Protein backbone atom coordinates (compact mmCIF):
# COMPACT_ATOMS: atom_id res chain seq x y z
CA UNK A 1 174.96 151.04 128.72
CA UNK A 2 177.70 151.84 131.41
CA UNK A 3 178.70 155.18 133.40
CA UNK A 4 181.66 155.07 134.70
CA UNK A 5 183.12 157.21 138.21
CA UNK A 6 185.44 159.05 137.49
CA UNK A 7 186.94 159.56 141.40
CA UNK A 8 187.05 156.12 141.54
CA UNK A 9 187.33 154.78 138.04
CA UNK A 10 185.18 152.40 139.03
CA UNK A 11 182.31 151.40 135.94
CA UNK A 12 178.28 150.73 136.13
CA UNK A 13 175.83 149.40 134.88
CA UNK A 14 173.49 151.97 133.78
CA UNK A 15 173.59 155.64 132.71
CA UNK A 16 174.72 159.73 134.20
CA UNK A 17 171.54 160.88 134.74
CA UNK A 18 170.05 157.72 136.91
CA UNK A 19 170.59 155.21 139.51
CA UNK A 20 173.23 152.47 138.49
CA UNK A 21 172.42 148.66 139.16
CA UNK A 22 174.08 149.12 142.53
CA UNK A 23 171.64 151.37 143.44
CA UNK A 24 173.61 154.41 143.60
CA UNK A 25 172.38 157.38 142.59
CA UNK A 26 174.73 159.81 139.68
CA UNK A 27 172.87 162.81 140.03
CA UNK A 28 174.30 162.64 142.72
CA UNK A 29 177.84 164.82 141.97
CA UNK A 30 176.71 164.54 138.36
CA UNK A 31 180.31 165.72 137.24
CA UNK A 32 181.93 162.56 138.70
CA UNK A 33 179.83 160.02 136.07
CA UNK A 34 180.32 159.62 132.60
CA UNK A 35 178.91 157.66 130.02
CA UNK A 36 181.28 155.23 128.90
CA UNK A 37 181.26 151.31 126.43
CA UNK A 38 184.07 150.26 128.86
CA UNK A 39 183.32 147.16 130.95
CA UNK A 40 181.68 147.05 133.91
CA UNK A 41 184.21 146.66 136.54
CA UNK A 42 181.77 146.59 139.86
CA UNK A 43 181.47 144.00 141.25
CA UNK A 44 178.33 145.49 143.81
CA UNK A 45 174.90 142.85 142.88
CA UNK A 46 173.58 144.46 140.19
CA UNK A 47 176.00 146.00 138.62
CA UNK A 48 177.85 142.21 137.53
CA UNK A 49 175.55 139.66 137.56
């Protein structure tokens, strides 16, 4: 599953309501996040590799 940060358009590994692969908490500013099936675009450790 992937989650998109709407203000930046970056797609992270993870899902809304948790933590992304690179450690970002999607519960903070939860309206800025949306679950997606798009490919991951975040290059930080944990998301991309």
